[in-house]
C-alpha atoms as a PDB file:
ATOM      1  CA  MET A   1      12.045 -29.078 -15.964  1.00  0.00           C
ATOM      2  CA  LYS A   2      11.405 -26.442 -13.298  1.00  0.00           C
ATOM      3  CA  LYS A   3      13.448 -26.765 -10.141  1.00  0.00           C
ATOM      4  CA  SER A   4      11.059 -25.055  -7.726  1.00  0.00           C
ATOM      5  CA  GLY A   5       7.923 -22.984  -7.324  1.00  0.00           C
ATOM      6  CA  VAL A   6       4.600 -23.729  -9.012  1.00  0.00           C
ATOM      7  CA  PHE A   7       4.784 -26.985 -10.989  1.00  0.00           C
ATOM      8  CA  ASN A   8       1.172 -27.015 -12.199  1.00  0.00           C
ATOM      9  CA  SER A   9       1.490 -25.756 -15.766  1.00  0.00           C
ATOM     10  CA  GLU A  10      -1.907 -24.032 -15.849  1.00  0.00           C
ATOM     11  CA  ILE A  11      -1.278 -22.127 -12.617  1.00  0.00           C
ATOM     12  CA  ALA A  12       2.286 -21.204 -13.644  1.00  0.00           C
ATOM     13  CA  SER A  13       0.976 -19.895 -16.974  1.00  0.00           C
ATOM     14  CA  VAL A  14      -1.704 -17.753 -15.330  1.00  0.00           C
ATOM     15  CA  ILE A  15       0.800 -16.251 -12.876  1.00  0.00           C
ATOM     16  CA  ALA A  16       3.276 -15.497 -15.667  1.00  0.00           C
ATOM     17  CA  ASP A  17       0.532 -13.704 -17.625  1.00  0.00           C
ATOM     18  CA  MET A  18      -0.656 -11.509 -14.748  1.00  0.00           C
ATOM     19  CA  GLY A  19      -0.146  -7.768 -14.658  1.00  0.00           C
ATOM     20  CA  HIS A  20      -0.565  -5.103 -12.000  1.00  0.00           C
ATOM     21  CA  PHE A  21      -4.047  -5.181 -10.412  1.00  0.00           C
ATOM     22  CA  ASP A  22      -5.024  -8.503 -12.026  1.00  0.00           C
ATOM     23  CA  THR A  23      -6.455 -11.037  -9.596  1.00  0.00           C
ATOM     24  CA  LEU A  24      -6.160 -14.764  -9.074  1.00  0.00           C
ATOM     25  CA  ALA A  25      -8.670 -16.552  -6.863  1.00  0.00           C
ATOM     26  CA  ILE A  26      -8.141 -19.700  -4.799  1.00  0.00           C
ATOM     27  CA  GLY A  27     -10.979 -21.395  -3.018  1.00  0.00           C
ATOM     28  CA  ASP A  28     -12.737 -24.288  -1.446  1.00  0.00           C
ATOM     29  CA  ALA A  29     -14.390 -27.207  -3.191  1.00  0.00           C
ATOM     30  CA  GLY A  30     -17.858 -25.682  -2.942  1.00  0.00           C
ATOM     31  CA  MET A  31     -17.251 -22.265  -4.495  1.00  0.00           C
ATOM     32  CA  PRO A  32     -19.468 -21.790  -7.563  1.00  0.00           C
ATOM     33  CA  VAL A  33     -17.431 -20.635 -10.539  1.00  0.00           C
ATOM     34  CA  PRO A  34     -19.086 -18.613 -13.300  1.00  0.00           C
ATOM     35  CA  PRO A  35     -18.778 -20.084 -16.802  1.00  0.00           C
ATOM     36  CA  ASP A  36     -16.695 -17.119 -18.014  1.00  0.00           C
ATOM     37  CA  CYS A  37     -13.999 -17.745 -15.375  1.00  0.00           C
ATOM     38  CA  LYS A  38     -11.101 -20.112 -16.086  1.00  0.00           C
ATOM     39  CA  LYS A  39     -11.253 -22.896 -13.481  1.00  0.00           C
ATOM     40  CA  ILE A  40      -8.140 -24.840 -12.555  1.00  0.00           C
ATOM     41  CA  ASP A  41      -9.466 -27.838 -10.645  1.00  0.00           C
ATOM     42  CA  LEU A  42      -6.976 -29.391  -8.229  1.00  0.00           C
ATOM     43  CA  CYS A  43      -9.532 -31.178  -6.030  1.00  0.00           C
ATOM     44  CA  VAL A  44      -8.754 -34.892  -5.901  1.00  0.00           C
ATOM     45  CA  THR A  45     -10.864 -35.807  -2.887  1.00  0.00           C
ATOM     46  CA  MET A  46     -12.662 -33.953  -0.121  1.00  0.00           C
ATOM     47  CA  GLY A  47     -10.022 -32.142   1.909  1.00  0.00           C
ATOM     48  CA  GLN A  48      -7.160 -32.566  -0.589  1.00  0.00           C
ATOM     49  CA  PRO A  49      -5.320 -30.494  -1.479  1.00  0.00           C
ATOM     50  CA  LYS A  50      -5.806 -28.051   1.359  1.00  0.00           C
ATOM     51  CA  PHE A  51      -6.500 -24.414   0.564  1.00  0.00           C
ATOM     52  CA  ILE A  52      -3.597 -23.160   2.668  1.00  0.00           C
ATOM     53  CA  ASP A  53      -1.093 -25.464   0.922  1.00  0.00           C
ATOM     54  CA  VAL A  54      -2.149 -24.237  -2.516  1.00  0.00           C
ATOM     55  CA  LEU A  55      -1.996 -20.626  -1.313  1.00  0.00           C
ATOM     56  CA  LYS A  56       1.539 -21.165   0.041  1.00  0.00           C
ATOM     57  CA  ASN A  57       2.633 -22.571  -3.308  1.00  0.00           C
ATOM     58  CA  VAL A  58       1.120 -19.722  -5.360  1.00  0.00           C
ATOM     59  CA  LEU A  59       2.805 -17.181  -3.081  1.00  0.00           C
ATOM     60  CA  THR A  60       6.219 -18.567  -4.037  1.00  0.00           C
ATOM     61  CA  GLU A  61       5.770 -16.912  -7.443  1.00  0.00           C
ATOM     62  CA  LEU A  62       3.069 -14.229  -7.271  1.00  0.00           C
ATOM     63  CA  LYS A  63       3.731 -10.699  -5.984  1.00  0.00           C
ATOM     64  CA  VAL A  64       0.613  -9.755  -4.001  1.00  0.00           C
ATOM     65  CA  GLN A  65      -0.297  -6.198  -3.027  1.00  0.00           C
ATOM     66  CA  ARG A  66      -3.812  -6.778  -1.655  1.00  0.00           C
ATOM     67  CA  ILE A  67      -6.075  -9.671  -0.739  1.00  0.00           C
ATOM     68  CA  TYR A  68      -9.833  -9.951  -0.745  1.00  0.00           C
ATOM     69  CA  LEU A  69     -11.590 -12.184   1.765  1.00  0.00           C
ATOM     70  CA  ALA A  70     -15.261 -12.804   2.440  1.00  0.00           C
ATOM     71  CA  GLU A  71     -16.644 -10.898   5.433  1.00  0.00           C
ATOM     72  CA  GLU A  72     -18.084 -14.202   6.626  1.00  0.00           C
ATOM     73  CA  ILE A  73     -14.640 -15.741   7.215  1.00  0.00           C
ATOM     74  CA  LYS A  74     -14.298 -13.586  10.349  1.00  0.00           C
ATOM     75  CA  THR A  75     -17.100 -15.409  12.159  1.00  0.00           C
ATOM     76  CA  ASP A  76     -17.381 -18.729  10.296  1.00  0.00           C
ATOM     77  CA  ASN A  77     -13.698 -19.643   9.841  1.00  0.00           C
ATOM     78  CA  PRO A  78     -11.427 -17.426  11.969  1.00  0.00           C
ATOM     79  CA  GLN A  79      -8.709 -20.116  12.052  1.00  0.00           C
ATOM     80  CA  GLN A  80      -8.372 -19.962   8.267  1.00  0.00           C
ATOM     81  CA  GLU A  81      -8.406 -16.156   8.365  1.00  0.00           C
ATOM     82  CA  ALA A  82      -5.522 -16.218  10.867  1.00  0.00           C
ATOM     83  CA  ALA A  83      -3.561 -18.700   8.741  1.00  0.00           C
ATOM     84  CA  ILE A  84      -4.009 -16.507   5.655  1.00  0.00           C
ATOM     85  CA  LYS A  85      -2.887 -13.365   7.473  1.00  0.00           C
ATOM     86  CA  ALA A  86       0.148 -15.192   8.874  1.00  0.00           C
ATOM     87  CA  LEU A  87       1.259 -16.015   5.307  1.00  0.00           C
ATOM     88  CA  LEU A  88       0.740 -12.438   4.117  1.00  0.00           C
ATOM     89  CA  PRO A  89       1.994 -10.106   6.851  1.00  0.00           C
ATOM     90  CA  GLY A  90       1.768  -6.448   5.932  1.00  0.00           C
ATOM     91  CA  ILE A  91      -0.478  -7.077   2.924  1.00  0.00           C
ATOM     92  CA  ALA A  92      -3.670  -4.991   2.773  1.00  0.00           C
ATOM     93  CA  VAL A  93      -6.870  -6.968   3.390  1.00  0.00           C
ATOM     94  CA  THR A  94     -10.231  -5.931   1.975  1.00  0.00           C
ATOM     95  CA  TYR A  95     -13.296  -7.765   3.226  1.00  0.00           C
ATOM     96  CA  ILE A  96     -16.260  -8.115   0.865  1.00  0.00           C
ATOM     97  CA  PRO A  97     -19.511 -10.073   1.147  1.00  0.00           C
ATOM     98  CA  HIS A  98     -19.214 -13.661  -0.093  1.00  0.00           C
ATOM     99  CA  ALA A  99     -21.872 -12.949  -2.723  1.00  0.00           C
ATOM    100  CA  GLU A 100     -19.713 -10.121  -4.084  1.00  0.00           C
ATOM    101  CA  MET A 101     -16.673 -12.384  -4.235  1.00  0.00           C
ATOM    102  CA  LYS A 102     -18.633 -14.891  -6.324  1.00  0.00           C
ATOM    103  CA  LYS A 103     -19.557 -12.094  -8.754  1.00  0.00           C
ATOM    104  CA  ARG A 104     -15.971 -10.834  -8.990  1.00  0.00           C
ATOM    105  CA  LEU A 105     -14.766 -14.246 -10.174  1.00  0.00           C
ATOM    106  CA  GLY A 106     -16.294 -13.373 -13.549  1.00  0.00           C
ATOM    107  CA  ASN A 107     -14.562  -9.976 -13.861  1.00  0.00           C
ATOM    108  CA  ALA A 108     -12.172  -9.575 -16.762  1.00  0.00           C
ATOM    109  CA  ASN A 109      -9.223  -8.806 -14.476  1.00  0.00           C
ATOM    110  CA  ASN A 110      -9.696 -12.079 -12.550  1.00  0.00           C
ATOM    111  CA  LYS A 111      -7.497 -14.460 -14.510  1.00  0.00           C
ATOM    112  CA  ALA A 112      -8.560 -17.772 -12.949  1.00  0.00           C
ATOM    113  CA  PHE A 113     -10.060 -19.633 -10.007  1.00  0.00           C
ATOM    114  CA  ILE A 114      -8.049 -22.465  -8.460  1.00  0.00           C
ATOM    115  CA  ARG A 115     -10.386 -25.027  -6.875  1.00  0.00           C
ATOM    116  CA  THR A 116      -8.890 -26.949  -3.974  1.00  0.00           C
ATOM    117  CA  GLY A 117     -10.329 -29.824  -1.984  1.00  0.00           C
ATOM    118  CA  GLU A 118     -10.803 -27.579   1.062  1.00  0.00           C
ATOM    119  CA  ASN A 119     -13.995 -28.331   2.958  1.00  0.00           C
ATOM    120  CA  THR A 120     -14.121 -25.528   5.518  1.00  0.00           C
ATOM    121  CA  PRO A 121     -16.439 -22.534   5.090  1.00  0.00           C
ATOM    122  CA  PHE A 122     -15.375 -19.363   3.272  1.00  0.00           C
ATOM    123  CA  SER A 123     -11.873 -20.639   2.472  1.00  0.00           C
ATOM    124  CA  ASN A 124     -11.666 -18.362  -0.544  1.00  0.00           C
ATOM    125  CA  ILE A 125      -9.294 -15.558  -1.447  1.00  0.00           C
ATOM    126  CA  MET A 126      -8.649 -13.191  -4.300  1.00  0.00           C
ATOM    127  CA  LEU A 127      -5.002 -12.205  -4.690  1.00  0.00           C
ATOM    128  CA  GLU A 128      -4.367  -8.835  -6.346  1.00  0.00           C
ATOM    129  CA  SER A 129      -1.109  -8.734  -8.246  1.00  0.00           C
ATOM    130  CA  GLY A 130       1.476  -6.110  -7.410  1.00  0.00           C
ATOM    131  CA  VAL A 131       4.647  -5.127  -9.206  1.00  0.00           C
ATOM    132  CA  ILE A 132       8.168  -6.266  -8.372  1.00  0.00           C
ATOM    133  CA  PHE A 133       9.880  -2.942  -8.982  1.00  0.00           C
END
């Protein structure tokens, strides 16, 4: 049995399979996921688990070189934007329209979408994998 890190076997498997420039998305309960995107559904009830808690857990194992956030988070959920940036100091942030983020979920280099129970607007992120050497 693992001693620490990501205990969800699906998430751990996706992270272990990721290469440089691959992406992993984490988002709120309302994010539409295209049928060609692997969805790992963690939502147990509205609000649980929280987006930020799942992000913190994923970051224990994934090397991130860039993040993608929806432009709309700046005006519609600045508290979540600040919390994300606090967890990822020094990591490049690229803002894209929310509609573009939804499209990118179906890209071949996006390995999965982790659905949380988060119920605040635009609580979605795409994590671009870096290298550890």
